[in-house]
Amino acid sequence: NYNPSFGNPSVVRTLTKAGVETSDVWTLGTNSGSGTSIAPSRDNTKLYYGGKNGTSNSAIHVWDLTNDVALSDLVATVAGFTITGHGILVLADGTILVSYSNSTTDWKILHYSAAGAVLNTYDLGAHRFDGFRAALDDPNSFIVKIFSDTAGLGPNVTFRNIKVSDGS
């Protein structure tokens, strides 16, 4: 459970499958409030979060869930871009996908190693990104939901299965 709209710092809680809150609670560092995206590592030892509503801060921060402390940022701010909502996905191999936008004209997804090195860039152009999910063959591909118009109001929604290796 993560509510990025309220509170600074943000508080993260875990829920059971039945929706019952557990005793696991983490209070993220200062300036963590109003974030746009969050995703845990597959082994639930790290929490990746980033974006700041209304700002161009697109750094990806890392929180150690085992020791309850901030770690070094995975990546610094990408100049001129913000992280989109629902914009972080951790793949089965531990690599991380992050979606960015510089307004309504340029949408892209960067693929990072667990150490923060850029492995690939997937350009979505002016098609508005609206979330992604791991595909059935995770970590070999992922599925992106995009709108054909930049406002996200048009009738055409496309789901694309993108190969991690080459973006096709």
C-alpha atoms as a PDB file:
ATOM      1  CA  ASN A   1       0.000   0.000   0.000  1.00  0.00           C
ATOM      2  CA  TYR A   2       1.506   3.337  -1.051  1.00  0.00           C
ATOM      3  CA  ASN A   3      -0.329   6.614  -1.069  1.00  0.00           C
ATOM      4  CA  PRO A   4       2.029   9.091  -2.699  1.00  0.00           C
ATOM      5  CA  SER A   5      -0.413  11.990  -2.499  1.00  0.00           C
ATOM      6  CA  PHE A   6      -0.442  12.396   1.259  1.00  0.00           C
ATOM      7  CA  GLY A   7       2.222  13.019   3.820  1.00  0.00           C
ATOM      8  CA  ASN A   8       5.885  13.749   3.728  1.00  0.00           C
ATOM      9  CA  PRO A   9       7.642  11.520   4.369  1.00  0.00           C
ATOM     10  CA  SER A  10       5.627   8.731   2.782  1.00  0.00           C
ATOM     11  CA  VAL A  11       4.676   5.679   4.797  1.00  0.00           C
ATOM     12  CA  VAL A  12       4.650   2.250   3.143  1.00  0.00           C
ATOM     13  CA  ARG A  13       2.664  -0.643   4.568  1.00  0.00           C
ATOM     14  CA  THR A  14       2.216  -4.244   3.461  1.00  0.00           C
ATOM     15  CA  LEU A  15      -1.129  -5.968   3.125  1.00  0.00           C
ATOM     16  CA  THR A  16      -2.070  -9.634   3.097  1.00  0.00           C
ATOM     17  CA  LYS A  17      -3.858 -11.075   0.054  1.00  0.00           C
ATOM     18  CA  ALA A  18      -7.089 -10.546   1.980  1.00  0.00           C
ATOM     19  CA  GLY A  19      -6.284  -6.834   2.312  1.00  0.00           C
ATOM     20  CA  VAL A  20      -5.404  -6.904   5.998  1.00  0.00           C
ATOM     21  CA  GLU A  21      -2.594  -4.567   7.022  1.00  0.00           C
ATOM     22  CA  THR A  22       0.445  -6.320   8.505  1.00  0.00           C
ATOM     23  CA  SER A  23       2.847  -4.947  11.089  1.00  0.00           C
ATOM     24  CA  ASP A  24       5.431  -4.168   8.380  1.00  0.00           C
ATOM     25  CA  VAL A  25       5.687  -0.377   8.106  1.00  0.00           C
ATOM     26  CA  TRP A  26       8.448   1.776   6.616  1.00  0.00           C
ATOM     27  CA  THR A  27       8.667   5.559   6.824  1.00  0.00           C
ATOM     28  CA  LEU A  28      10.643   6.722   3.826  1.00  0.00           C
ATOM     29  CA  GLY A  29      13.047   9.639   3.989  1.00  0.00           C
ATOM     30  CA  THR A  30      12.230  13.310   3.753  1.00  0.00           C
ATOM     31  CA  ASN A  31      11.015  14.498   0.362  1.00  0.00           C
ATOM     32  CA  SER A  32       9.445  11.108  -0.364  1.00  0.00           C
ATOM     33  CA  GLY A  33       5.893  12.506  -0.288  1.00  0.00           C
ATOM     34  CA  SER A  34       4.002  13.193  -3.529  1.00  0.00           C
ATOM     35  CA  GLY A  35       5.973  10.573  -5.434  1.00  0.00           C
ATOM     36  CA  THR A  36       4.495   9.172  -8.634  1.00  0.00           C
ATOM     37  CA  SER A  37       5.808   5.602  -8.807  1.00  0.00           C
ATOM     38  CA  ILE A  38       6.918   2.742  -6.583  1.00  0.00           C
ATOM     39  CA  ALA A  39       7.918  -0.925  -6.991  1.00  0.00           C
ATOM     40  CA  PRO A  40       9.530  -3.520  -4.702  1.00  0.00           C
ATOM     41  CA  SER A  41      12.382  -5.762  -5.778  1.00  0.00           C
ATOM     42  CA  ARG A  42      11.229  -9.311  -6.499  1.00  0.00           C
ATOM     43  CA  ASP A  43      12.819 -10.564  -3.262  1.00  0.00           C
ATOM     44  CA  ASN A  44      11.137  -7.741  -1.290  1.00  0.00           C
ATOM     45  CA  THR A  45      14.430  -6.429   0.113  1.00  0.00           C
ATOM     46  CA  LYS A  46      14.422  -3.086  -1.728  1.00  0.00           C
ATOM     47  CA  LEU A  47      11.818  -0.521  -2.619  1.00  0.00           C
ATOM     48  CA  TYR A  48      12.356   1.626  -5.715  1.00  0.00           C
ATOM     49  CA  TYR A  49      10.446   4.915  -5.779  1.00  0.00           C
ATOM     50  CA  GLY A  50      10.635   8.201  -7.584  1.00  0.00           C
ATOM     51  CA  GLY A  51       9.033  11.083  -9.305  1.00  0.00           C
ATOM     52  CA  LYS A  52       7.637  14.143  -7.628  1.00  0.00           C
ATOM     53  CA  ASN A  53       4.242  15.485  -8.631  1.00  0.00           C
ATOM     54  CA  GLY A  54       4.616  18.919 -10.188  1.00  0.00           C
ATOM     55  CA  THR A  55       8.411  18.767 -10.513  1.00  0.00           C
ATOM     56  CA  SER A  56      11.009  17.494 -12.955  1.00  0.00           C
ATOM     57  CA  ASN A  57      12.649  15.346 -10.254  1.00  0.00           C
ATOM     58  CA  SER A  58      13.006  11.959 -11.927  1.00  0.00           C
ATOM     59  CA  ALA A  59      15.633  10.338  -9.688  1.00  0.00           C
ATOM     60  CA  ILE A  60      14.947   6.735  -8.664  1.00  0.00           C
ATOM     61  CA  HIS A  61      15.463   6.336  -4.934  1.00  0.00           C
ATOM     62  CA  VAL A  62      16.076   3.014  -3.156  1.00  0.00           C
ATOM     63  CA  TRP A  63      14.949   2.016   0.339  1.00  0.00           C
ATOM     64  CA  ASP A  64      16.404  -1.011   2.132  1.00  0.00           C
ATOM     65  CA  LEU A  65      13.322  -2.852   3.434  1.00  0.00           C
ATOM     66  CA  THR A  66      15.401  -5.227   5.567  1.00  0.00           C
ATOM     67  CA  ASN A  67      17.323  -2.574   7.524  1.00  0.00           C
ATOM     68  CA  ASP A  68      14.798   0.264   7.081  1.00  0.00           C
ATOM     69  CA  VAL A  69      17.290   2.789   5.678  1.00  0.00           C
ATOM     70  CA  ALA A  70      17.775   4.788   2.501  1.00  0.00           C
ATOM     71  CA  LEU A  71      20.339   3.481   0.023  1.00  0.00           C
ATOM     72  CA  SER A  72      22.081   5.401  -2.740  1.00  0.00           C
ATOM     73  CA  ASP A  73      19.824   6.478  -5.596  1.00  0.00           C
ATOM     74  CA  LEU A  74      19.607   3.966  -8.417  1.00  0.00           C
ATOM     75  CA  VAL A  75      19.743   6.763 -11.001  1.00  0.00           C
ATOM     76  CA  ALA A  76      19.896  10.541 -10.945  1.00  0.00           C
ATOM     77  CA  THR A  77      17.296  12.814 -12.490  1.00  0.00           C
ATOM     78  CA  VAL A  78      16.911  12.414 -16.263  1.00  0.00           C
ATOM     79  CA  ALA A  79      17.184  15.995 -17.528  1.00  0.00           C
ATOM     80  CA  GLY A  80      13.934  17.377 -18.919  1.00  0.00           C
ATOM     81  CA  PHE A  81      11.854  14.290 -18.028  1.00  0.00           C
ATOM     82  CA  THR A  82       9.530  13.250 -15.227  1.00  0.00           C
ATOM     83  CA  ILE A  83       8.598   9.742 -14.143  1.00  0.00           C
ATOM     84  CA  THR A  84       5.069   8.849 -15.188  1.00  0.00           C
ATOM     85  CA  GLY A  85       2.495   7.429 -12.800  1.00  0.00           C
ATOM     86  CA  HIS A  86       2.757   3.652 -12.444  1.00  0.00           C
ATOM     87  CA  GLY A  87       6.165   4.100 -14.008  1.00  0.00           C
ATOM     88  CA  ILE A  88       8.471   1.577 -12.292  1.00  0.00           C
ATOM     89  CA  LEU A  89       8.494  -2.160 -12.970  1.00  0.00           C
ATOM     90  CA  VAL A  90      10.998  -4.687 -11.625  1.00  0.00           C
ATOM     91  CA  LEU A  91      11.466  -7.679 -13.925  1.00  0.00           C
ATOM     92  CA  ALA A  92      12.125 -11.266 -12.805  1.00  0.00           C
ATOM     93  CA  ASP A  93      15.863 -10.913 -13.485  1.00  0.00           C
ATOM     94  CA  GLY A  94      16.130  -7.920 -11.121  1.00  0.00           C
ATOM     95  CA  THR A  95      16.429  -5.275 -13.847  1.00  0.00           C
ATOM     96  CA  ILE A  96      14.184  -2.228 -13.666  1.00  0.00           C
ATOM     97  CA  LEU A  97      11.997  -0.463 -16.226  1.00  0.00           C
ATOM     98  CA  VAL A  98      11.112   3.210 -15.703  1.00  0.00           C
ATOM     99  CA  SER A  99       8.754   5.265 -17.875  1.00  0.00           C
ATOM    100  CA  TYR A 100       9.457   8.945 -18.500  1.00  0.00           C
ATOM    101  CA  SER A 101       7.727  11.841 -20.219  1.00  0.00           C
ATOM    102  CA  ASN A 102       8.849  15.361 -21.074  1.00  0.00           C
ATOM    103  CA  SER A 103       5.232  16.537 -21.554  1.00  0.00           C
ATOM    104  CA  THR A 104       2.797  15.065 -24.018  1.00  0.00           C
ATOM    105  CA  THR A 105       5.235  14.864 -26.923  1.00  0.00           C
ATOM    106  CA  ASP A 106       7.923  12.438 -25.848  1.00  0.00           C
ATOM    107  CA  TRP A 107       7.375   9.224 -23.887  1.00  0.00           C
ATOM    108  CA  LYS A 108      10.085   6.662 -23.302  1.00  0.00           C
ATOM    109  CA  ILE A 109      10.995   3.701 -21.109  1.00  0.00           C
ATOM    110  CA  LEU A 110      14.528   3.154 -19.839  1.00  0.00           C
ATOM    111  CA  HIS A 111      15.742  -0.309 -18.862  1.00  0.00           C
ATOM    112  CA  TYR A 112      18.256  -0.265 -15.991  1.00  0.00           C
ATOM    113  CA  SER A 113      20.487  -2.914 -14.492  1.00  0.00           C
ATOM    114  CA  ALA A 114      20.147  -3.483 -10.740  1.00  0.00           C
ATOM    115  CA  ALA A 115      23.248  -1.261 -10.434  1.00  0.00           C
ATOM    116  CA  GLY A 116      21.618   1.615 -12.380  1.00  0.00           C
ATOM    117  CA  ALA A 117      23.346   1.254 -15.766  1.00  0.00           C
ATOM    118  CA  VAL A 118      21.123   1.968 -18.794  1.00  0.00           C
ATOM    119  CA  LEU A 119      20.641  -1.275 -20.710  1.00  0.00           C
ATOM    120  CA  ASN A 120      18.180  -0.060 -23.322  1.00  0.00           C
ATOM    121  CA  THR A 121      15.838   2.803 -24.255  1.00  0.00           C
ATOM    122  CA  TYR A 122      12.390   2.193 -25.743  1.00  0.00           C
ATOM    123  CA  ASP A 123      10.964   5.277 -27.481  1.00  0.00           C
ATOM    124  CA  LEU A 124       7.161   5.531 -27.476  1.00  0.00           C
ATOM    125  CA  GLY A 125       7.124   8.886 -29.265  1.00  0.00           C
ATOM    126  CA  ALA A 126       3.975  10.977 -28.761  1.00  0.00           C
ATOM    127  CA  HIS A 127       1.875   7.978 -27.722  1.00  0.00           C
ATOM    128  CA  ARG A 128       0.737   8.525 -24.131  1.00  0.00           C
ATOM    129  CA  PHE A 129       1.979   5.816 -21.804  1.00  0.00           C
ATOM    130  CA  ASP A 130      -0.626   4.431 -19.398  1.00  0.00           C
ATOM    131  CA  GLY A 131       1.171   1.663 -17.515  1.00  0.00           C
ATOM    132  CA  PHE A 132       3.036  -1.564 -18.067  1.00  0.00           C
ATOM    133  CA  ARG A 133       3.155  -5.113 -16.787  1.00  0.00           C
ATOM    134  CA  ALA A 134       5.508  -8.045 -16.966  1.00  0.00           C
ATOM    135  CA  ALA A 135       4.650 -10.367 -19.851  1.00  0.00           C
ATOM    136  CA  LEU A 136       4.222 -14.126 -19.552  1.00  0.00           C
ATOM    137  CA  ASP A 137       7.834 -14.638 -20.652  1.00  0.00           C
ATOM    138  CA  ASP A 138       9.192 -12.161 -18.041  1.00  0.00           C
ATOM    139  CA  PRO A 139      12.039 -11.039 -18.096  1.00  0.00           C
ATOM    140  CA  ASN A 140      12.201 -11.373 -21.889  1.00  0.00           C
ATOM    141  CA  SER A 141       9.392  -8.922 -22.630  1.00  0.00           C
ATOM    142  CA  PHE A 142       6.859  -6.573 -21.068  1.00  0.00           C
ATOM    143  CA  ILE A 143       3.448  -5.224 -22.043  1.00  0.00           C
ATOM    144  CA  VAL A 144       2.789  -1.490 -22.436  1.00  0.00           C
ATOM    145  CA  LYS A 145      -0.601   0.209 -22.587  1.00  0.00           C
ATOM    146  CA  ILE A 146      -0.558   3.325 -24.761  1.00  0.00           C
ATOM    147  CA  PHE A 147      -3.157   5.706 -26.163  1.00  0.00           C
ATOM    148  CA  SER A 148      -3.019   6.838 -29.788  1.00  0.00           C
ATOM    149  CA  ASP A 149      -3.560  10.456 -28.786  1.00  0.00           C
ATOM    150  CA  THR A 150      -1.477  12.483 -26.364  1.00  0.00           C
ATOM    151  CA  ALA A 151      -4.405  13.406 -24.109  1.00  0.00           C
ATOM    152  CA  GLY A 152      -5.236   9.774 -23.407  1.00  0.00           C
ATOM    153  CA  LEU A 153      -8.873  10.393 -24.275  1.00  0.00           C
ATOM    154  CA  GLY A 154      -8.992   8.913 -27.758  1.00  0.00           C
ATOM    155  CA  PRO A 155     -10.765   5.733 -28.726  1.00  0.00           C
ATOM    156  CA  ASN A 156      -7.615   3.807 -29.602  1.00  0.00           C
ATOM    157  CA  VAL A 157      -5.845   1.949 -26.827  1.00  0.00           C
ATOM    158  CA  THR A 158      -2.991  -0.310 -27.814  1.00  0.00           C
ATOM    159  CA  PHE A 159      -1.269  -3.004 -25.806  1.00  0.00           C
ATOM    160  CA  ARG A 160       2.247  -3.686 -27.085  1.00  0.00           C
ATOM    161  CA  ASN A 161       4.396  -6.624 -26.115  1.00  0.00           C
ATOM    162  CA  ILE A 162       7.938  -5.226 -26.195  1.00  0.00           C
ATOM    163  CA  LYS A 163      11.006  -7.450 -26.302  1.00  0.00           C
ATOM    164  CA  VAL A 164      13.512  -6.361 -23.669  1.00  0.00           C
ATOM    165  CA  SER A 165      16.473  -7.276 -25.882  1.00  0.00           C
ATOM    166  CA  ASP A 166      15.758  -4.936 -28.801  1.00  0.00           C
ATOM    167  CA  GLY A 167      12.439  -3.098 -28.247  1.00  0.00           C
ATOM    168  CA  SER A 168      10.663  -4.812 -31.119  1.00  0.00           C
END
